[in-house]
C-alpha atoms as a PDB file:
ATOM      1  CA  MET A   1     -34.258  -0.905 -14.722  1.00  0.00           C
ATOM      2  CA  LYS A   2     -32.646  -0.759 -11.302  1.00  0.00           C
ATOM      3  CA  LEU A   3     -32.162  -3.864  -9.190  1.00  0.00           C
ATOM      4  CA  GLN A   4     -31.077  -4.364  -5.591  1.00  0.00           C
ATOM      5  CA  ALA A   5     -28.469  -7.068  -5.036  1.00  0.00           C
ATOM      6  CA  ASP A   6     -30.865  -9.089  -2.879  1.00  0.00           C
ATOM      7  CA  GLN A   7     -33.458  -9.009  -5.698  1.00  0.00           C
ATOM      8  CA  LEU A   8     -31.112 -10.445  -8.319  1.00  0.00           C
ATOM      9  CA  SER A   9     -31.666 -14.160  -7.618  1.00  0.00           C
ATOM     10  CA  THR A  10     -35.469 -13.862  -7.827  1.00  0.00           C
ATOM     11  CA  HIS A  11     -35.219 -11.659 -10.929  1.00  0.00           C
ATOM     12  CA  LEU A  12     -33.019 -14.176 -12.774  1.00  0.00           C
ATOM     13  CA  GLN A  13     -35.491 -16.973 -12.046  1.00  0.00           C
ATOM     14  CA  GLN A  14     -38.209 -14.956 -13.782  1.00  0.00           C
ATOM     15  CA  LYS A  15     -36.419 -13.299 -16.710  1.00  0.00           C
ATOM     16  CA  PHE A  16     -33.073 -12.707 -18.361  1.00  0.00           C
ATOM     17  CA  LEU A  17     -32.221  -9.336 -19.916  1.00  0.00           C
ATOM     18  CA  PRO A  18     -29.674  -8.563 -22.669  1.00  0.00           C
ATOM     19  CA  VAL A  19     -27.633  -6.216 -20.435  1.00  0.00           C
ATOM     20  CA  TYR A  20     -26.512  -6.316 -16.806  1.00  0.00           C
ATOM     21  CA  ILE A  21     -24.335  -3.635 -15.196  1.00  0.00           C
ATOM     22  CA  ILE A  22     -22.867  -4.209 -11.740  1.00  0.00           C
ATOM     23  CA  SER A  23     -21.310  -1.171 -10.089  1.00  0.00           C
ATOM     24  CA  SER A  24     -19.649  -1.292  -6.680  1.00  0.00           C
ATOM     25  CA  ASP A  25     -16.328  -0.985  -4.876  1.00  0.00           C
ATOM     26  CA  GLU A  26     -17.058  -4.231  -2.992  1.00  0.00           C
ATOM     27  CA  HIS A  27     -15.168  -6.760  -5.114  1.00  0.00           C
ATOM     28  CA  LEU A  28     -16.556  -9.847  -3.383  1.00  0.00           C
ATOM     29  CA  LEU A  29     -20.184  -8.780  -3.840  1.00  0.00           C
ATOM     30  CA  VAL A  30     -19.556  -7.815  -7.476  1.00  0.00           C
ATOM     31  CA  GLN A  31     -17.986 -11.217  -8.089  1.00  0.00           C
ATOM     32  CA  GLU A  32     -20.900 -13.071  -6.514  1.00  0.00           C
ATOM     33  CA  ALA A  33     -23.520 -11.056  -8.438  1.00  0.00           C
ATOM     34  CA  ALA A  34     -21.622 -11.709 -11.671  1.00  0.00           C
ATOM     35  CA  ASP A  35     -21.493 -15.429 -10.842  1.00  0.00           C
ATOM     36  CA  GLN A  36     -25.285 -15.508 -10.597  1.00  0.00           C
ATOM     37  CA  ILE A  37     -25.675 -13.731 -13.943  1.00  0.00           C
ATOM     38  CA  ARG A  38     -23.168 -16.008 -15.695  1.00  0.00           C
ATOM     39  CA  CYS A  39     -24.959 -19.063 -14.346  1.00  0.00           C
ATOM     40  CA  ALA A  40     -28.337 -17.739 -15.550  1.00  0.00           C
ATOM     41  CA  ALA A  41     -26.851 -16.898 -18.959  1.00  0.00           C
ATOM     42  CA  LYS A  42     -25.566 -20.440 -19.315  1.00  0.00           C
ATOM     43  CA  GLN A  43     -28.995 -21.837 -18.452  1.00  0.00           C
ATOM     44  CA  LYS A  44     -30.492 -19.610 -21.171  1.00  0.00           C
ATOM     45  CA  GLY A  45     -28.125 -21.084 -23.742  1.00  0.00           C
ATOM     46  CA  PHE A  46     -25.321 -18.493 -23.701  1.00  0.00           C
ATOM     47  CA  ALA A  47     -22.669 -21.196 -23.533  1.00  0.00           C
ATOM     48  CA  ASP A  48     -19.974 -19.100 -25.222  1.00  0.00           C
ATOM     49  CA  ARG A  49     -18.341 -16.323 -23.169  1.00  0.00           C
ATOM     50  CA  GLU A  50     -15.625 -13.780 -23.872  1.00  0.00           C
ATOM     51  CA  LEU A  51     -13.975 -11.991 -20.959  1.00  0.00           C
ATOM     52  CA  LEU A  52     -12.505  -8.532 -21.614  1.00  0.00           C
ATOM     53  CA  HIS A  53     -10.758  -6.199 -19.182  1.00  0.00           C
ATOM     54  CA  GLY A  54     -11.108  -2.801 -20.820  1.00  0.00           C
ATOM     55  CA  ASP A  55      -7.737  -2.963 -22.549  1.00  0.00           C
ATOM     56  CA  LYS A  56      -6.909  -1.179 -25.788  1.00  0.00           C
ATOM     57  CA  GLY A  57      -8.869  -2.691 -28.651  1.00  0.00           C
ATOM     58  CA  ASP A  58     -11.418  -4.453 -26.436  1.00  0.00           C
ATOM     59  CA  ALA A  59     -14.136  -2.007 -27.495  1.00  0.00           C
ATOM     60  CA  ASP A  60     -13.640  -3.063 -31.122  1.00  0.00           C
ATOM     61  CA  VAL A  61     -14.435  -6.660 -30.190  1.00  0.00           C
ATOM     62  CA  LEU A  62     -18.018  -5.737 -29.349  1.00  0.00           C
ATOM     63  CA  MET A  63     -18.425  -3.497 -32.402  1.00  0.00           C
ATOM     64  CA  THR A  64     -17.163  -6.241 -34.724  1.00  0.00           C
ATOM     65  CA  ALA A  65     -19.376  -8.864 -33.109  1.00  0.00           C
ATOM     66  CA  ALA A  66     -22.449  -6.654 -33.463  1.00  0.00           C
ATOM     67  CA  GLN A  67     -21.774  -6.208 -37.182  1.00  0.00           C
ATOM     68  CA  SER A  68     -21.123  -9.854 -37.961  1.00  0.00           C
ATOM     69  CA  MET A  69     -24.503 -11.375 -37.207  1.00  0.00           C
ATOM     70  CA  SER A  70     -25.234 -14.853 -38.526  1.00  0.00           C
ATOM     71  CA  LEU A  71     -28.317 -17.064 -38.714  1.00  0.00           C
ATOM     72  CA  PHE A  72     -26.331 -19.882 -37.110  1.00  0.00           C
ATOM     73  CA  ALA A  73     -24.379 -17.859 -34.540  1.00  0.00           C
ATOM     74  CA  GLU A  74     -24.016 -19.317 -31.052  1.00  0.00           C
ATOM     75  CA  LEU A  75     -25.433 -17.378 -28.123  1.00  0.00           C
ATOM     76  CA  LYS A  76     -22.558 -15.450 -26.571  1.00  0.00           C
ATOM     77  CA  LEU A  77     -21.976 -13.489 -23.379  1.00  0.00           C
ATOM     78  CA  TYR A  78     -19.550 -10.568 -23.565  1.00  0.00           C
ATOM     79  CA  GLU A  79     -18.243  -9.779 -20.095  1.00  0.00           C
ATOM     80  CA  TYR A  80     -16.416  -6.491 -19.527  1.00  0.00           C
ATOM     81  CA  ARG A  81     -14.597  -5.965 -16.220  1.00  0.00           C
ATOM     82  CA  PHE A  82     -13.333  -2.455 -15.544  1.00  0.00           C
ATOM     83  CA  SER A  83     -10.941  -1.547 -12.714  1.00  0.00           C
ATOM     84  CA  LYS A  84     -11.790   2.129 -13.312  1.00  0.00           C
ATOM     85  CA  GLN A  85     -14.544   4.057 -15.092  1.00  0.00           C
ATOM     86  CA  PRO A  86     -15.061   2.977 -18.739  1.00  0.00           C
ATOM     87  CA  ALA A  87     -13.180   5.199 -21.189  1.00  0.00           C
ATOM     88  CA  ALA A  88     -14.919   7.044 -24.033  1.00  0.00           C
ATOM     89  CA  GLU A  89     -14.181   4.334 -26.615  1.00  0.00           C
ATOM     90  CA  PHE A  90     -16.148   1.842 -24.515  1.00  0.00           C
ATOM     91  CA  THR A  91     -19.088   4.099 -23.707  1.00  0.00           C
ATOM     92  CA  LYS A  92     -19.368   4.845 -27.452  1.00  0.00           C
ATOM     93  CA  ALA A  93     -19.252   1.118 -28.285  1.00  0.00           C
ATOM     94  CA  PHE A  94     -21.891   0.310 -25.665  1.00  0.00           C
ATOM     95  CA  ALA A  95     -24.202   3.048 -26.918  1.00  0.00           C
ATOM     96  CA  SER A  96     -23.792   1.842 -30.491  1.00  0.00           C
ATOM     97  CA  TRP A  97     -24.480  -1.771 -29.478  1.00  0.00           C
ATOM     98  CA  CYS A  98     -27.710  -0.669 -27.764  1.00  0.00           C
ATOM     99  CA  GLU A  99     -29.023   0.863 -30.993  1.00  0.00           C
ATOM    100  CA  ASN A 100     -29.528  -2.598 -32.479  1.00  0.00           C
ATOM    101  CA  PRO A 101     -28.663  -5.264 -29.865  1.00  0.00           C
ATOM    102  CA  PRO A 102     -28.085  -8.674 -31.491  1.00  0.00           C
ATOM    103  CA  GLU A 103     -30.434 -11.356 -30.152  1.00  0.00           C
ATOM    104  CA  ASP A 104     -27.554 -13.829 -29.916  1.00  0.00           C
ATOM    105  CA  GLN A 105     -25.471 -11.601 -27.610  1.00  0.00           C
ATOM    106  CA  CYS A 106     -25.728 -10.308 -24.064  1.00  0.00           C
ATOM    107  CA  LEU A 107     -23.567  -7.902 -22.078  1.00  0.00           C
ATOM    108  CA  LEU A 108     -22.296  -8.166 -18.511  1.00  0.00           C
ATOM    109  CA  ILE A 109     -20.424  -5.069 -17.357  1.00  0.00           C
ATOM    110  CA  SER A 110     -18.829  -4.669 -13.929  1.00  0.00           C
ATOM    111  CA  CYS A 111     -17.110  -1.487 -12.797  1.00  0.00           C
ATOM    112  CA  PRO A 112     -16.375   0.588  -9.693  1.00  0.00           C
ATOM    113  CA  LYS A 113     -19.076   2.740  -8.110  1.00  0.00           C
ATOM    114  CA  LEU A 114     -20.529   5.213 -10.628  1.00  0.00           C
ATOM    115  CA  ASP A 115     -21.118   8.844  -9.718  1.00  0.00           C
ATOM    116  CA  LYS A 116     -24.323  10.729 -10.540  1.00  0.00           C
ATOM    117  CA  LYS A 117     -22.855  12.246 -13.713  1.00  0.00           C
ATOM    118  CA  LYS A 118     -21.973   8.826 -15.122  1.00  0.00           C
ATOM    119  CA  LYS A 119     -25.407   7.400 -14.279  1.00  0.00           C
ATOM    120  CA  ASN A 120     -27.074  10.305 -16.081  1.00  0.00           C
ATOM    121  CA  ALA A 121     -24.919   9.928 -19.207  1.00  0.00           C
ATOM    122  CA  ALA A 122     -26.684   8.955 -22.452  1.00  0.00           C
ATOM    123  CA  TRP A 123     -24.680   5.725 -22.935  1.00  0.00           C
ATOM    124  CA  PHE A 124     -25.549   4.542 -19.432  1.00  0.00           C
ATOM    125  CA  LYS A 125     -29.233   5.382 -19.809  1.00  0.00           C
ATOM    126  CA  LYS A 126     -29.338   3.299 -22.999  1.00  0.00           C
ATOM    127  CA  LEU A 127     -27.789   0.307 -21.244  1.00  0.00           C
ATOM    128  CA  GLU A 128     -30.064   0.667 -18.224  1.00  0.00           C
ATOM    129  CA  SER A 129     -33.226   0.924 -20.356  1.00  0.00           C
ATOM    130  CA  LEU A 130     -32.264  -2.240 -22.194  1.00  0.00           C
ATOM    131  CA  GLY A 131     -31.224  -4.206 -19.131  1.00  0.00           C
ATOM    132  CA  ALA A 132     -30.645  -3.891 -15.400  1.00  0.00           C
ATOM    133  CA  HIS A 133     -28.258  -1.929 -13.190  1.00  0.00           C
ATOM    134  CA  ILE A 134     -27.268  -3.585  -9.915  1.00  0.00           C
ATOM    135  CA  GLU A 135     -25.711  -0.982  -7.656  1.00  0.00           C
ATOM    136  CA  ILE A 136     -24.154  -2.620  -4.612  1.00  0.00           C
ATOM    137  CA  TRP A 137     -23.523  -0.433  -1.598  1.00  0.00           C
ATOM    138  CA  PRO A 138     -20.803  -1.093   0.984  1.00  0.00           C
ATOM    139  CA  ILE A 139     -21.766  -3.001   4.128  1.00  0.00           C
ATOM    140  CA  GLU A 140     -21.874  -0.454   6.957  1.00  0.00           C
ATOM    141  CA  SER A 141     -20.022  -1.294  10.155  1.00  0.00           C
ATOM    142  CA  LYS A 142     -23.252  -1.672  12.151  1.00  0.00           C
ATOM    143  CA  GLN A 143     -24.576  -4.114   9.523  1.00  0.00           C
ATOM    144  CA  LEU A 144     -21.382  -6.156   9.341  1.00  0.00           C
ATOM    145  CA  PRO A 145     -22.046  -8.599  12.234  1.00  0.00           C
ATOM    146  CA  ASN A 146     -25.417  -9.562  10.687  1.00  0.00           C
ATOM    147  CA  TRP A 147     -23.777  -9.979   7.280  1.00  0.00           C
ATOM    148  CA  LEU A 148     -21.057 -12.165   8.838  1.00  0.00           C
ATOM    149  CA  SER A 149     -23.708 -14.231  10.616  1.00  0.00           C
ATOM    150  CA  GLY A 150     -25.447 -14.896   7.292  1.00  0.00           C
ATOM    151  CA  ARG A 151     -22.180 -15.931   5.626  1.00  0.00           C
ATOM    152  CA  ALA A 152     -21.417 -18.205   8.563  1.00  0.00           C
ATOM    153  CA  ARG A 153     -24.796 -19.959   8.220  1.00  0.00           C
ATOM    154  CA  GLU A 154     -24.134 -20.493   4.499  1.00  0.00           C
ATOM    155  CA  ASN A 155     -20.931 -22.296   5.525  1.00  0.00           C
ATOM    156  CA  GLY A 156     -22.649 -24.401   8.187  1.00  0.00           C
ATOM    157  CA  LEU A 157     -21.345 -22.367  11.149  1.00  0.00           C
ATOM    158  CA  THR A 158     -22.987 -20.900  14.246  1.00  0.00           C
ATOM    159  CA  ILE A 159     -21.142 -17.860  15.622  1.00  0.00           C
ATOM    160  CA  GLU A 160     -22.208 -16.108  18.826  1.00  0.00           C
ATOM    161  CA  ARG A 161     -22.876 -12.377  18.704  1.00  0.00           C
ATOM    162  CA  ASP A 162     -19.778 -11.375  20.714  1.00  0.00           C
ATOM    163  CA  ALA A 163     -17.650 -13.577  18.462  1.00  0.00           C
ATOM    164  CA  LEU A 164     -19.127 -11.872  15.384  1.00  0.00           C
ATOM    165  CA  ASN A 165     -18.026  -8.526  16.811  1.00  0.00           C
ATOM    166  CA  VAL A 166     -14.489  -9.866  17.303  1.00  0.00           C
ATOM    167  CA  LEU A 167     -14.403 -11.030  13.678  1.00  0.00           C
ATOM    168  CA  ALA A 168     -15.864  -7.727  12.441  1.00  0.00           C
ATOM    169  CA  ASP A 169     -13.080  -5.823  14.224  1.00  0.00           C
ATOM    170  CA  ARG A 170     -10.473  -8.078  12.656  1.00  0.00           C
ATOM    171  CA  ILE A 171     -11.540  -7.743   9.036  1.00  0.00           C
ATOM    172  CA  GLU A 172     -12.147  -3.962   9.267  1.00  0.00           C
ATOM    173  CA  GLY A 173     -14.761  -3.884   6.513  1.00  0.00           C
ATOM    174  CA  ASN A 174     -12.767  -6.032   4.056  1.00  0.00           C
ATOM    175  CA  LEU A 175     -15.410  -8.471   2.794  1.00  0.00           C
ATOM    176  CA  LEU A 176     -12.930 -10.582   0.829  1.00  0.00           C
ATOM    177  CA  ALA A 177     -10.950 -11.076   4.044  1.00  0.00           C
ATOM    178  CA  ALA A 178     -14.180 -11.863   5.907  1.00  0.00           C
ATOM    179  CA  ASP A 179     -15.109 -14.525   3.368  1.00  0.00           C
ATOM    180  CA  GLN A 180     -11.660 -16.141   3.703  1.00  0.00           C
ATOM    181  CA  GLU A 181     -11.823 -16.109   7.510  1.00  0.00           C
ATOM    182  CA  ILE A 182     -15.241 -17.790   7.526  1.00  0.00           C
ATOM    183  CA  LYS A 183     -14.008 -20.467   5.121  1.00  0.00           C
ATOM    184  CA  ARG A 184     -11.029 -21.101   7.410  1.00  0.00           C
ATOM    185  CA  LEU A 185     -13.372 -21.358  10.395  1.00  0.00           C
ATOM    186  CA  SER A 186     -15.477 -23.922   8.511  1.00  0.00           C
ATOM    187  CA  LEU A 187     -12.340 -26.088   8.202  1.00  0.00           C
ATOM    188  CA  LEU A 188     -11.844 -26.043  11.968  1.00  0.00           C
ATOM    189  CA  TYR A 189     -15.352 -26.244  13.389  1.00  0.00           C
ATOM    190  CA  SER A 190     -18.400 -28.371  12.625  1.00  0.00           C
ATOM    191  CA  SER A 191     -22.038 -27.321  12.366  1.00  0.00           C
ATOM    192  CA  SER A 192     -22.611 -28.604  15.902  1.00  0.00           C
ATOM    193  CA  ASP A 193     -20.092 -26.152  17.364  1.00  0.00           C
ATOM    194  CA  SER A 194     -21.152 -22.741  18.628  1.00  0.00           C
ATOM    195  CA  ILE A 195     -18.183 -20.424  18.197  1.00  0.00           C
ATOM    196  CA  SER A 196     -17.702 -18.213  21.249  1.00  0.00           C
ATOM    197  CA  ALA A 197     -15.833 -14.925  21.570  1.00  0.00           C
ATOM    198  CA  LYS A 198     -12.929 -16.744  23.261  1.00  0.00           C
ATOM    199  CA  MET A 199     -12.693 -19.284  20.442  1.00  0.00           C
ATOM    200  CA  MET A 200     -12.798 -16.466  17.901  1.00  0.00           C
ATOM    201  CA  GLN A 201     -10.053 -14.501  19.682  1.00  0.00           C
ATOM    202  CA  GLU A 202      -7.819 -17.594  19.650  1.00  0.00           C
ATOM    203  CA  PHE A 203      -8.564 -18.100  15.969  1.00  0.00           C
ATOM    204  CA  VAL A 204      -7.837 -14.450  15.123  1.00  0.00           C
ATOM    205  CA  ALA A 205      -4.544 -14.499  17.025  1.00  0.00           C
ATOM    206  CA  ASP A 206      -3.523 -17.786  15.435  1.00  0.00           C
ATOM    207  CA  ASN A 207      -4.423 -16.779  11.885  1.00  0.00           C
ATOM    208  CA  ALA A 208      -3.171 -13.215  11.683  1.00  0.00           C
ATOM    209  CA  ARG A 209      -1.063 -14.281   8.695  1.00  0.00           C
ATOM    210  CA  PHE A 210      -0.433 -17.668   7.143  1.00  0.00           C
ATOM    211  CA  ASP A 211       3.169 -18.135   6.145  1.00  0.00           C
ATOM    212  CA  SER A 212       5.047 -20.962   4.409  1.00  0.00           C
ATOM    213  CA  PHE A 213       8.069 -20.526   6.700  1.00  0.00           C
ATOM    214  CA  GLU A 214       5.885 -20.800   9.814  1.00  0.00           C
ATOM    215  CA  LEU A 215       4.296 -23.911   8.306  1.00  0.00           C
ATOM    216  CA  LEU A 216       7.658 -25.679   8.281  1.00  0.00           C
ATOM    217  CA  GLU A 217       8.534 -24.467  11.770  1.00  0.00           C
ATOM    218  CA  VAL A 218       5.376 -25.950  13.303  1.00  0.00           C
ATOM    219  CA  CYS A 219       5.897 -29.107  11.238  1.00  0.00           C
ATOM    220  CA  PHE A 220       9.387 -29.749  12.656  1.00  0.00           C
ATOM    221  CA  ALA A 221       8.102 -28.794  16.109  1.00  0.00           C
ATOM    222  CA  GLY A 222       5.551 -31.640  15.816  1.00  0.00           C
ATOM    223  CA  ASN A 223       2.381 -29.499  15.949  1.00  0.00           C
ATOM    224  CA  ALA A 224       0.208 -31.517  13.553  1.00  0.00           C
ATOM    225  CA  LYS A 225      -3.022 -29.610  14.257  1.00  0.00           C
ATOM    226  CA  LYS A 226      -1.415 -26.296  13.389  1.00  0.00           C
ATOM    227  CA  VAL A 227       0.238 -27.807  10.296  1.00  0.00           C
ATOM    228  CA  THR A 228      -3.195 -28.707   8.941  1.00  0.00           C
ATOM    229  CA  ARG A 229      -4.640 -25.322   9.879  1.00  0.00           C
ATOM    230  CA  ILE A 230      -1.860 -23.246   8.296  1.00  0.00           C
ATOM    231  CA  LEU A 231      -1.745 -25.411   5.167  1.00  0.00           C
ATOM    232  CA  SER A 232      -5.524 -24.977   4.698  1.00  0.00           C
ATOM    233  CA  GLY A 233      -5.098 -21.223   5.099  1.00  0.00           C
ATOM    234  CA  LEU A 234      -2.269 -21.084   2.568  1.00  0.00           C
ATOM    235  CA  LYS A 235      -4.377 -23.010   0.070  1.00  0.00           C
ATOM    236  CA  LEU A 236      -7.290 -20.592   0.521  1.00  0.00           C
ATOM    237  CA  GLU A 237      -4.952 -17.620   0.089  1.00  0.00           C
ATOM    238  CA  GLY A 238      -3.736 -18.999  -3.230  1.00  0.00           C
ATOM    239  CA  GLU A 239      -0.236 -20.000  -2.152  1.00  0.00           C
ATOM    240  CA  SER A 240       1.666 -22.056  -4.718  1.00  0.00           C
ATOM    241  CA  PRO A 241       2.284 -25.713  -3.764  1.00  0.00           C
ATOM    242  CA  ALA A 242       5.524 -25.425  -5.746  1.00  0.00           C
ATOM    243  CA  LYS A 243       6.766 -22.734  -3.347  1.00  0.00           C
ATOM    244  CA  ILE A 244       5.948 -24.851  -0.288  1.00  0.00           C
ATOM    245  CA  ASN A 245       7.624 -27.883  -1.828  1.00  0.00           C
ATOM    246  CA  GLY A 246      10.677 -25.810  -2.752  1.00  0.00           C
ATOM    247  CA  LEU A 247      11.090 -24.554   0.809  1.00  0.00           C
ATOM    248  CA  LEU A 248      10.506 -28.035   2.210  1.00  0.00           C
ATOM    249  CA  THR A 249      13.066 -29.568  -0.156  1.00  0.00           C
ATOM    250  CA  TYR A 250      15.686 -27.031   0.970  1.00  0.00           C
ATOM    251  CA  GLU A 251      15.015 -27.743   4.662  1.00  0.00           C
ATOM    252  CA  LEU A 252      15.059 -31.513   4.170  1.00  0.00           C
ATOM    253  CA  ARG A 253      18.401 -31.381   2.350  1.00  0.00           C
ATOM    254  CA  THR A 254      19.846 -29.524   5.327  1.00  0.00           C
ATOM    255  CA  LEU A 255      18.285 -31.921   7.824  1.00  0.00           C
ATOM    256  CA  THR A 256      19.571 -34.935   5.884  1.00  0.00           C
ATOM    257  CA  LYS A 257      23.141 -33.571   6.111  1.00  0.00           C
ATOM    258  CA  MET A 258      22.629 -32.857   9.809  1.00  0.00           C
ATOM    259  CA  ALA A 259      21.289 -36.383  10.336  1.00  0.00           C
ATOM    260  CA  TRP A 260      24.456 -37.844   8.759  1.00  0.00           C
ATOM    261  CA  ASP A 261      26.566 -35.805  11.192  1.00  0.00           C
ATOM    262  CA  TYR A 262      24.421 -36.913  14.131  1.00  0.00           C
ATOM    263  CA  GLN A 263      24.689 -40.545  13.044  1.00  0.00           C
ATOM    264  CA  SER A 264      28.481 -40.095  12.839  1.00  0.00           C
ATOM    265  CA  GLY A 265      28.571 -39.165  16.530  1.00  0.00           C
ATOM    266  CA  GLU A 266      28.419 -35.352  16.628  1.00  0.00           C
ATOM    267  CA  SER A 267      26.266 -33.812  19.352  1.00  0.00           C
ATOM    268  CA  ILE A 268      23.009 -32.092  18.445  1.00  0.00           C
ATOM    269  CA  ASP A 269      24.177 -28.803  20.016  1.00  0.00           C
ATOM    270  CA  ARG A 270      27.323 -28.812  17.885  1.00  0.00           C
ATOM    271  CA  ILE A 271      25.357 -29.647  14.709  1.00  0.00           C
ATOM    272  CA  ILE A 272      22.805 -26.894  15.383  1.00  0.00           C
ATOM    273  CA  LYS A 273      25.636 -24.337  15.677  1.00  0.00           C
ATOM    274  CA  LYS A 274      27.486 -25.786  12.669  1.00  0.00           C
ATOM    275  CA  TYR A 275      24.465 -25.252  10.377  1.00  0.00           C
ATOM    276  CA  TYR A 276      23.536 -21.865  11.877  1.00  0.00           C
ATOM    277  CA  VAL A 277      20.087 -22.895  13.096  1.00  0.00           C
ATOM    278  CA  TRP A 278      18.664 -20.210  15.373  1.00  0.00           C
ATOM    279  CA  GLY A 279      15.416 -18.966  16.852  1.00  0.00           C
ATOM    280  CA  ALA A 280      12.195 -20.973  16.691  1.00  0.00           C
ATOM    281  CA  LYS A 281      13.739 -23.538  14.323  1.00  0.00           C
ATOM    282  CA  LYS A 282      16.318 -24.646  16.868  1.00  0.00           C
ATOM    283  CA  THR A 283      13.907 -26.622  19.088  1.00  0.00           C
ATOM    284  CA  GLY A 284      12.135 -28.241  16.140  1.00  0.00           C
ATOM    285  CA  TYR A 285      15.365 -29.271  14.412  1.00  0.00           C
ATOM    286  CA  SER A 286      16.791 -30.710  17.638  1.00  0.00           C
ATOM    287  CA  ARG A 287      13.621 -32.710  18.209  1.00  0.00           C
ATOM    288  CA  SER A 288      13.598 -33.985  14.611  1.00  0.00           C
ATOM    289  CA  LEU A 289      17.253 -35.055  14.587  1.00  0.00           C
ATOM    290  CA  SER A 290      16.900 -37.096  17.769  1.00  0.00           C
ATOM    291  CA  ARG A 291      13.699 -38.727  16.556  1.00  0.00           C
ATOM    292  CA  LEU A 292      14.449 -39.969  13.034  1.00  0.00           C
ATOM    293  CA  PRO A 293      17.417 -41.745  11.350  1.00  0.00           C
ATOM    294  CA  VAL A 294      19.130 -40.661   8.102  1.00  0.00           C
ATOM    295  CA  SER A 295      17.221 -43.228   6.007  1.00  0.00           C
ATOM    296  CA  VAL A 296      13.895 -41.606   6.874  1.00  0.00           C
ATOM    297  CA  TRP A 297      15.121 -38.100   6.004  1.00  0.00           C
ATOM    298  CA  GLN A 298      16.314 -39.464   2.664  1.00  0.00           C
ATOM    299  CA  ARG A 299      12.896 -40.999   2.099  1.00  0.00           C
ATOM    300  CA  PHE A 300      11.218 -37.670   2.885  1.00  0.00           C
ATOM    301  CA  LEU A 301      13.539 -35.944   0.429  1.00  0.00           C
ATOM    302  CA  SER A 302      12.640 -38.419  -2.328  1.00  0.00           C
ATOM    303  CA  ARG A 303       8.963 -37.685  -1.627  1.00  0.00           C
ATOM    304  CA  CYS A 304       9.667 -34.033  -2.474  1.00  0.00           C
ATOM    305  CA  LEU A 305      10.861 -35.132  -5.905  1.00  0.00           C
ATOM    306  CA  GLU A 306       7.625 -37.068  -6.402  1.00  0.00           C
ATOM    307  CA  LEU A 307       5.718 -33.971  -5.283  1.00  0.00           C
ATOM    308  CA  ASP A 308       7.540 -31.853  -7.843  1.00  0.00           C
ATOM    309  CA  LYS A 309       6.456 -34.237 -10.615  1.00  0.00           C
ATOM    310  CA  MET A 310       2.889 -34.188  -9.300  1.00  0.00           C
ATOM    311  CA  ILE A 311       2.801 -30.365  -9.295  1.00  0.00           C
ATOM    312  CA  LYS A 312       4.113 -30.326 -12.883  1.00  0.00           C
ATOM    313  CA  GLY A 313       1.470 -32.856 -13.974  1.00  0.00           C
ATOM    314  CA  GLN A 314       4.039 -35.572 -14.655  1.00  0.00           C
ATOM    315  CA  GLN A 315       2.621 -37.838 -11.959  1.00  0.00           C
ATOM    316  CA  GLU A 316      -0.957 -38.461 -10.834  1.00  0.00           C
ATOM    317  CA  GLY A 317      -2.193 -37.157  -7.508  1.00  0.00           C
ATOM    318  CA  ASP A 318      -3.368 -34.091  -5.607  1.00  0.00           C
ATOM    319  CA  PRO A 319      -0.295 -32.025  -4.585  1.00  0.00           C
ATOM    320  CA  TRP A 320      -2.077 -30.476  -1.596  1.00  0.00           C
ATOM    321  CA  VAL A 321      -3.076 -33.866  -0.205  1.00  0.00           C
ATOM    322  CA  ALA A 322       0.456 -35.175  -0.765  1.00  0.00           C
ATOM    323  CA  ILE A 323       2.040 -32.124   0.904  1.00  0.00           C
ATOM    324  CA  GLU A 324      -0.220 -32.494   3.941  1.00  0.00           C
ATOM    325  CA  SER A 325       0.559 -36.207   4.194  1.00  0.00           C
ATOM    326  CA  LEU A 326       4.311 -35.586   4.030  1.00  0.00           C
ATOM    327  CA  LEU A 327       4.226 -32.735   6.559  1.00  0.00           C
ATOM    328  CA  LEU A 328       2.224 -34.842   9.005  1.00  0.00           C
ATOM    329  CA  GLN A 329       4.714 -37.694   8.630  1.00  0.00           C
ATOM    330  CA  ILE A 330       7.612 -35.305   9.317  1.00  0.00           C
ATOM    331  CA  SER A 331       5.800 -33.914  12.341  1.00  0.00           C
ATOM    332  CA  GLY A 332       5.429 -37.439  13.731  1.00  0.00           C
ATOM    333  CA  HIS A 333       1.671 -37.724  13.186  1.00  0.00           C
ATOM    334  CA  GLY A 334       1.553 -39.447   9.797  1.00  0.00           C
ATOM    335  CA  LEU A 335      -0.781 -42.233   8.768  1.00  0.00           C
ATOM    336  CA  TRP A 336       2.120 -44.656   8.547  1.00  0.00           C
ATOM    337  CA  SER A 337       5.235 -45.056  10.641  1.00  0.00           C
ATOM    338  CA  SER A 338       8.374 -43.218   9.565  1.00  0.00           C
ATOM    339  CA  LYS A 339      10.628 -45.814  11.170  1.00  0.00           C
END
């Protein structure tokens, strides 16, 4: 059978089929449809799941499983994710599986958009007759603002129409990027806020790219609000806390040496030149050196060592919370005094 993406939730509440095929070039929508199917499978007792990516030998996994049926076998979901069209070895395995589908197994297949020839192939017809094919079409540009508005509501946001158009222009049809931007917005604004076009333009300009180096620059410049915003963005983008801590450790070692020189009587201008600090960092470093003594920089540096242990699982705590706390303390807006 054929299913529309917006019919999937209702369908899964009513029945669960042995085969689901999701075809689309929209990775976010494929991922979300697959999430719904996995959740429904789990509710139906398919607690065991094997994820396969169409590599060599993965077709044999299904063939072997189909031939090794047992009275006491656990219900199992076989999920195949293809980055390109399934090769012949897989289409053959799928067709063979459909001849006598085991009651304790179900198939979830996701792949890029299928052309007419593929959808008319015998192997595909067998899968479709046994289960459901969810073909997800791209969101057209004229539909994008409405789609963004719906995503915003799901995240507790109200975005004005002009602001939706600004966001649509920014993401240029990239739904994964749109999802990330809306999640970032939800970190900045509450459900009581109505996001205007001006607010959206400021957000777009400010969040063109989150960068670990910029994070440290705004930290030393004392911009606590932007520290929190950039750190949240880096977390959403999958940045490694180890990388941030590594960069921070390097900067704090330098600042500790500079603080010793400043405490010994050297001028800030001379120290800045001595350590080759240029550009945007110059103002932030100058501000930091005049604000905090050597003992505090040493304490910050020791916190980086604790962070390293936390990241490696050798010490309890949430690394992201600890990083934010430390950065806010360095910026001069911490929860406790640095002096």
